[in-house]
């Protein structure tokens, strides 16, 4: 068999479960609709937790190694690397969501600017039928993309 997969190989089940939970949480927070202040608070608390872990790892690296061995990871540096990978993907997902929101806002702004510069012909203003039917040139952009 080319690929042999054993979930509980060599006592690493704890770290595998934690890493899978981390990936699942990132997927959940990426797919859910942000709720403003709650989302901001979650990001800030996560950042504070990572900062405390970094200080802890710098001051007591031997304890990080003990935690890593308890979780089934060989070295503390490997545990830190795993956590940084999870943090990187969380940052990537957050940046992607922000980029999508910015693109949608920019698209709405560009549409509103383009439509605000439209010159309405005199006969259309007098009540004659416009060549393409009724067009609202001054839409507030309330439609969702």
C-alpha atoms as a PDB file:
ATOM      1  CA  UNK A   1       0.000   0.000   0.000  1.00  0.00           C
ATOM      2  CA  UNK A   2       1.443   3.360  -1.020  1.00  0.00           C
ATOM      3  CA  UNK A   3      -0.134   5.418   1.759  1.00  0.00           C
ATOM      4  CA  UNK A   4      -0.536   3.954   5.215  1.00  0.00           C
ATOM      5  CA  UNK A   5      -2.667   6.058   7.533  1.00  0.00           C
ATOM      6  CA  UNK A   6      -2.852   5.412  11.222  1.00  0.00           C
ATOM      7  CA  UNK A   7      -4.659   8.044  13.259  1.00  0.00           C
ATOM      8  CA  UNK A   8      -3.275   6.895  16.607  1.00  0.00           C
ATOM      9  CA  UNK A   9       0.288   6.133  15.557  1.00  0.00           C
ATOM     10  CA  UNK A  10       3.113   6.579  18.066  1.00  0.00           C
ATOM     11  CA  UNK A  11       1.063   8.309  20.765  1.00  0.00           C
ATOM     12  CA  UNK A  12       0.292  11.432  18.740  1.00  0.00           C
ATOM     13  CA  UNK A  13      -3.472  11.205  18.981  1.00  0.00           C
ATOM     14  CA  UNK A  14      -3.773  14.227  21.316  1.00  0.00           C
ATOM     15  CA  UNK A  15      -1.939  16.634  19.018  1.00  0.00           C
ATOM     16  CA  UNK A  16      -3.744  15.306  15.966  1.00  0.00           C
ATOM     17  CA  UNK A  17      -7.109  15.932  17.610  1.00  0.00           C
ATOM     18  CA  UNK A  18      -6.060  19.439  18.697  1.00  0.00           C
ATOM     19  CA  UNK A  19      -4.744  20.326  15.241  1.00  0.00           C
ATOM     20  CA  UNK A  20      -7.874  18.995  13.546  1.00  0.00           C
ATOM     21  CA  UNK A  21     -10.012  21.010  15.960  1.00  0.00           C
ATOM     22  CA  UNK A  22      -7.945  24.090  15.136  1.00  0.00           C
ATOM     23  CA  UNK A  23      -8.471  23.587  11.412  1.00  0.00           C
ATOM     24  CA  UNK A  24     -12.195  22.990  11.986  1.00  0.00           C
ATOM     25  CA  UNK A  25     -12.485  26.211  14.012  1.00  0.00           C
ATOM     26  CA  UNK A  26     -10.735  28.164  11.282  1.00  0.00           C
ATOM     27  CA  UNK A  27     -13.109  26.700   8.709  1.00  0.00           C
ATOM     28  CA  UNK A  28     -16.111  27.588  10.880  1.00  0.00           C
ATOM     29  CA  UNK A  29     -14.994  31.176  11.462  1.00  0.00           C
ATOM     30  CA  UNK A  30     -14.194  31.548   7.768  1.00  0.00           C
ATOM     31  CA  UNK A  31     -17.617  30.387   6.594  1.00  0.00           C
ATOM     32  CA  UNK A  32     -19.828  32.086   9.174  1.00  0.00           C
ATOM     33  CA  UNK A  33     -21.189  35.576   8.791  1.00  0.00           C
ATOM     34  CA  UNK A  34     -19.204  38.035  10.928  1.00  0.00           C
ATOM     35  CA  UNK A  35     -21.134  39.688  13.744  1.00  0.00           C
ATOM     36  CA  UNK A  36     -19.214  42.933  14.152  1.00  0.00           C
ATOM     37  CA  UNK A  37     -18.134  43.433  17.760  1.00  0.00           C
ATOM     38  CA  UNK A  38     -18.262  39.733  18.641  1.00  0.00           C
ATOM     39  CA  UNK A  39     -15.940  38.899  15.762  1.00  0.00           C
ATOM     40  CA  UNK A  40     -13.562  41.691  16.740  1.00  0.00           C
ATOM     41  CA  UNK A  41     -13.527  40.527  20.367  1.00  0.00           C
ATOM     42  CA  UNK A  42     -12.766  36.955  19.286  1.00  0.00           C
ATOM     43  CA  UNK A  43      -9.842  38.124  17.164  1.00  0.00           C
ATOM     44  CA  UNK A  44      -8.460  40.243  19.999  1.00  0.00           C
ATOM     45  CA  UNK A  45      -8.762  37.451  22.573  1.00  0.00           C
ATOM     46  CA  UNK A  46      -7.051  35.020  20.208  1.00  0.00           C
ATOM     47  CA  UNK A  47      -4.220  37.486  19.638  1.00  0.00           C
ATOM     48  CA  UNK A  48      -3.784  37.975  23.387  1.00  0.00           C
ATOM     49  CA  UNK A  49      -3.720  34.193  23.917  1.00  0.00           C
ATOM     50  CA  UNK A  50      -1.017  33.778  21.264  1.00  0.00           C
ATOM     51  CA  UNK A  51       0.991  36.602  22.843  1.00  0.00           C
ATOM     52  CA  UNK A  52       0.816  34.941  26.278  1.00  0.00           C
ATOM     53  CA  UNK A  53       1.857  31.627  24.751  1.00  0.00           C
ATOM     54  CA  UNK A  54       4.808  33.326  23.023  1.00  0.00           C
ATOM     55  CA  UNK A  55       5.969  34.905  26.289  1.00  0.00           C
ATOM     56  CA  UNK A  56       5.505  31.563  28.057  1.00  0.00           C
ATOM     57  CA  UNK A  57       7.527  29.770  25.358  1.00  0.00           C
ATOM     58  CA  UNK A  58      10.347  32.318  25.548  1.00  0.00           C
ATOM     59  CA  UNK A  59      10.626  32.330  29.340  1.00  0.00           C
ATOM     60  CA  UNK A  60      10.115  28.579  29.946  1.00  0.00           C
ATOM     61  CA  UNK A  61      11.061  26.638  26.789  1.00  0.00           C
ATOM     62  CA  UNK A  62      11.528  23.414  28.780  1.00  0.00           C
ATOM     63  CA  UNK A  63       7.863  23.534  29.851  1.00  0.00           C
ATOM     64  CA  UNK A  64       6.813  23.928  26.219  1.00  0.00           C
ATOM     65  CA  UNK A  65       8.833  20.801  25.441  1.00  0.00           C
ATOM     66  CA  UNK A  66       7.073  18.965  28.289  1.00  0.00           C
ATOM     67  CA  UNK A  67       3.674  20.074  26.975  1.00  0.00           C
ATOM     68  CA  UNK A  68       4.715  18.943  23.504  1.00  0.00           C
ATOM     69  CA  UNK A  69       5.778  15.523  24.725  1.00  0.00           C
ATOM     70  CA  UNK A  70       2.505  15.214  26.683  1.00  0.00           C
ATOM     71  CA  UNK A  71       0.601  15.922  23.446  1.00  0.00           C
ATOM     72  CA  UNK A  72       2.699  13.409  21.518  1.00  0.00           C
ATOM     73  CA  UNK A  73       4.955  15.875  19.716  1.00  0.00           C
ATOM     74  CA  UNK A  74       8.669  15.251  19.977  1.00  0.00           C
ATOM     75  CA  UNK A  75       9.927  18.767  20.640  1.00  0.00           C
ATOM     76  CA  UNK A  76       8.555  22.080  21.835  1.00  0.00           C
ATOM     77  CA  UNK A  77       9.758  23.710  18.624  1.00  0.00           C
ATOM     78  CA  UNK A  78       7.561  21.341  16.614  1.00  0.00           C
ATOM     79  CA  UNK A  79       4.551  22.253  18.766  1.00  0.00           C
ATOM     80  CA  UNK A  80       5.246  25.949  18.217  1.00  0.00           C
ATOM     81  CA  UNK A  81       5.527  25.290  14.473  1.00  0.00           C
ATOM     82  CA  UNK A  82       2.177  23.472  14.417  1.00  0.00           C
ATOM     83  CA  UNK A  83       0.512  26.331  16.268  1.00  0.00           C
ATOM     84  CA  UNK A  84       2.063  28.877  13.906  1.00  0.00           C
ATOM     85  CA  UNK A  85       0.692  26.967  10.923  1.00  0.00           C
ATOM     86  CA  UNK A  86      -2.789  27.114  12.458  1.00  0.00           C
ATOM     87  CA  UNK A  87      -2.330  30.846  13.165  1.00  0.00           C
ATOM     88  CA  UNK A  88      -1.142  31.424   9.595  1.00  0.00           C
ATOM     89  CA  UNK A  89      -4.229  29.789   8.114  1.00  0.00           C
ATOM     90  CA  UNK A  90      -6.469  31.759  10.472  1.00  0.00           C
ATOM     91  CA  UNK A  91      -4.794  34.972   9.328  1.00  0.00           C
ATOM     92  CA  UNK A  92      -5.110  33.917   5.696  1.00  0.00           C
ATOM     93  CA  UNK A  93      -8.842  33.231   6.106  1.00  0.00           C
ATOM     94  CA  UNK A  94      -9.419  36.567   7.859  1.00  0.00           C
ATOM     95  CA  UNK A  95      -7.513  38.461   5.175  1.00  0.00           C
ATOM     96  CA  UNK A  96      -9.530  36.732   2.462  1.00  0.00           C
ATOM     97  CA  UNK A  97     -12.825  37.763   4.091  1.00  0.00           C
ATOM     98  CA  UNK A  98     -11.650  41.363   4.459  1.00  0.00           C
ATOM     99  CA  UNK A  99     -10.523  41.419   0.836  1.00  0.00           C
ATOM    100  CA  UNK A 100     -13.924  40.184  -0.348  1.00  0.00           C
ATOM    101  CA  UNK A 101     -15.719  42.827   1.709  1.00  0.00           C
ATOM    102  CA  UNK A 102     -13.455  45.573   0.350  1.00  0.00           C
ATOM    103  CA  UNK A 103     -14.013  44.438  -3.227  1.00  0.00           C
ATOM    104  CA  UNK A 104     -17.788  44.484  -2.752  1.00  0.00           C
ATOM    105  CA  UNK A 105     -17.691  47.989  -1.272  1.00  0.00           C
ATOM    106  CA  UNK A 106     -15.457  49.219  -4.076  1.00  0.00           C
ATOM    107  CA  UNK A 107     -17.758  47.702  -6.696  1.00  0.00           C
ATOM    108  CA  UNK A 108     -20.805  49.428  -5.182  1.00  0.00           C
ATOM    109  CA  UNK A 109     -18.937  52.721  -4.971  1.00  0.00           C
ATOM    110  CA  UNK A 110     -17.800  52.489  -8.599  1.00  0.00           C
ATOM    111  CA  UNK A 111     -21.353  51.721  -9.738  1.00  0.00           C
ATOM    112  CA  UNK A 112     -22.768  54.669  -7.809  1.00  0.00           C
ATOM    113  CA  UNK A 113     -20.135  57.042  -9.193  1.00  0.00           C
ATOM    114  CA  UNK A 114     -20.691  55.788 -12.739  1.00  0.00           C
ATOM    115  CA  UNK A 115     -24.454  56.153 -12.452  1.00  0.00           C
ATOM    116  CA  UNK A 116     -24.271  59.588 -10.837  1.00  0.00           C
ATOM    117  CA  UNK A 117     -22.431  60.946 -13.899  1.00  0.00           C
ATOM    118  CA  UNK A 118     -25.136  59.830 -16.355  1.00  0.00           C
ATOM    119  CA  UNK A 119     -26.739  62.641 -18.349  1.00  0.00           C
ATOM    120  CA  UNK A 120     -30.452  62.125 -18.804  1.00  0.00           C
ATOM    121  CA  UNK A 121     -31.712  63.212 -22.281  1.00  0.00           C
ATOM    122  CA  UNK A 122     -34.224  66.069 -22.378  1.00  0.00           C
ATOM    123  CA  UNK A 123     -37.020  64.007 -23.945  1.00  0.00           C
ATOM    124  CA  UNK A 124     -36.641  61.334 -21.218  1.00  0.00           C
ATOM    125  CA  UNK A 125     -36.997  64.006 -18.559  1.00  0.00           C
ATOM    126  CA  UNK A 126     -40.193  65.284 -20.242  1.00  0.00           C
ATOM    127  CA  UNK A 127     -41.873  61.906 -19.825  1.00  0.00           C
ATOM    128  CA  UNK A 128     -40.990  60.208 -23.128  1.00  0.00           C
ATOM    129  CA  UNK A 129     -40.130  56.530 -22.982  1.00  0.00           C
ATOM    130  CA  UNK A 130     -36.428  55.877 -22.503  1.00  0.00           C
ATOM    131  CA  UNK A 131     -34.853  53.622 -25.157  1.00  0.00           C
ATOM    132  CA  UNK A 132     -34.112  50.841 -22.645  1.00  0.00           C
ATOM    133  CA  UNK A 133     -37.183  51.072 -20.464  1.00  0.00           C
ATOM    134  CA  UNK A 134     -37.303  52.626 -17.032  1.00  0.00           C
ATOM    135  CA  UNK A 135     -33.842  53.001 -15.485  1.00  0.00           C
ATOM    136  CA  UNK A 136     -33.244  54.379 -12.030  1.00  0.00           C
ATOM    137  CA  UNK A 137     -29.960  56.254 -12.383  1.00  0.00           C
ATOM    138  CA  UNK A 138     -29.822  57.337  -8.773  1.00  0.00           C
ATOM    139  CA  UNK A 139     -30.069  53.966  -7.043  1.00  0.00           C
ATOM    140  CA  UNK A 140     -28.686  54.091  -3.502  1.00  0.00           C
ATOM    141  CA  UNK A 141     -26.807  50.831  -3.980  1.00  0.00           C
ATOM    142  CA  UNK A 142     -28.994  48.977  -1.493  1.00  0.00           C
ATOM    143  CA  UNK A 143     -28.982  45.788  -3.521  1.00  0.00           C
ATOM    144  CA  UNK A 144     -26.638  43.123  -2.259  1.00  0.00           C
ATOM    145  CA  UNK A 145     -23.998  41.659  -4.505  1.00  0.00           C
END
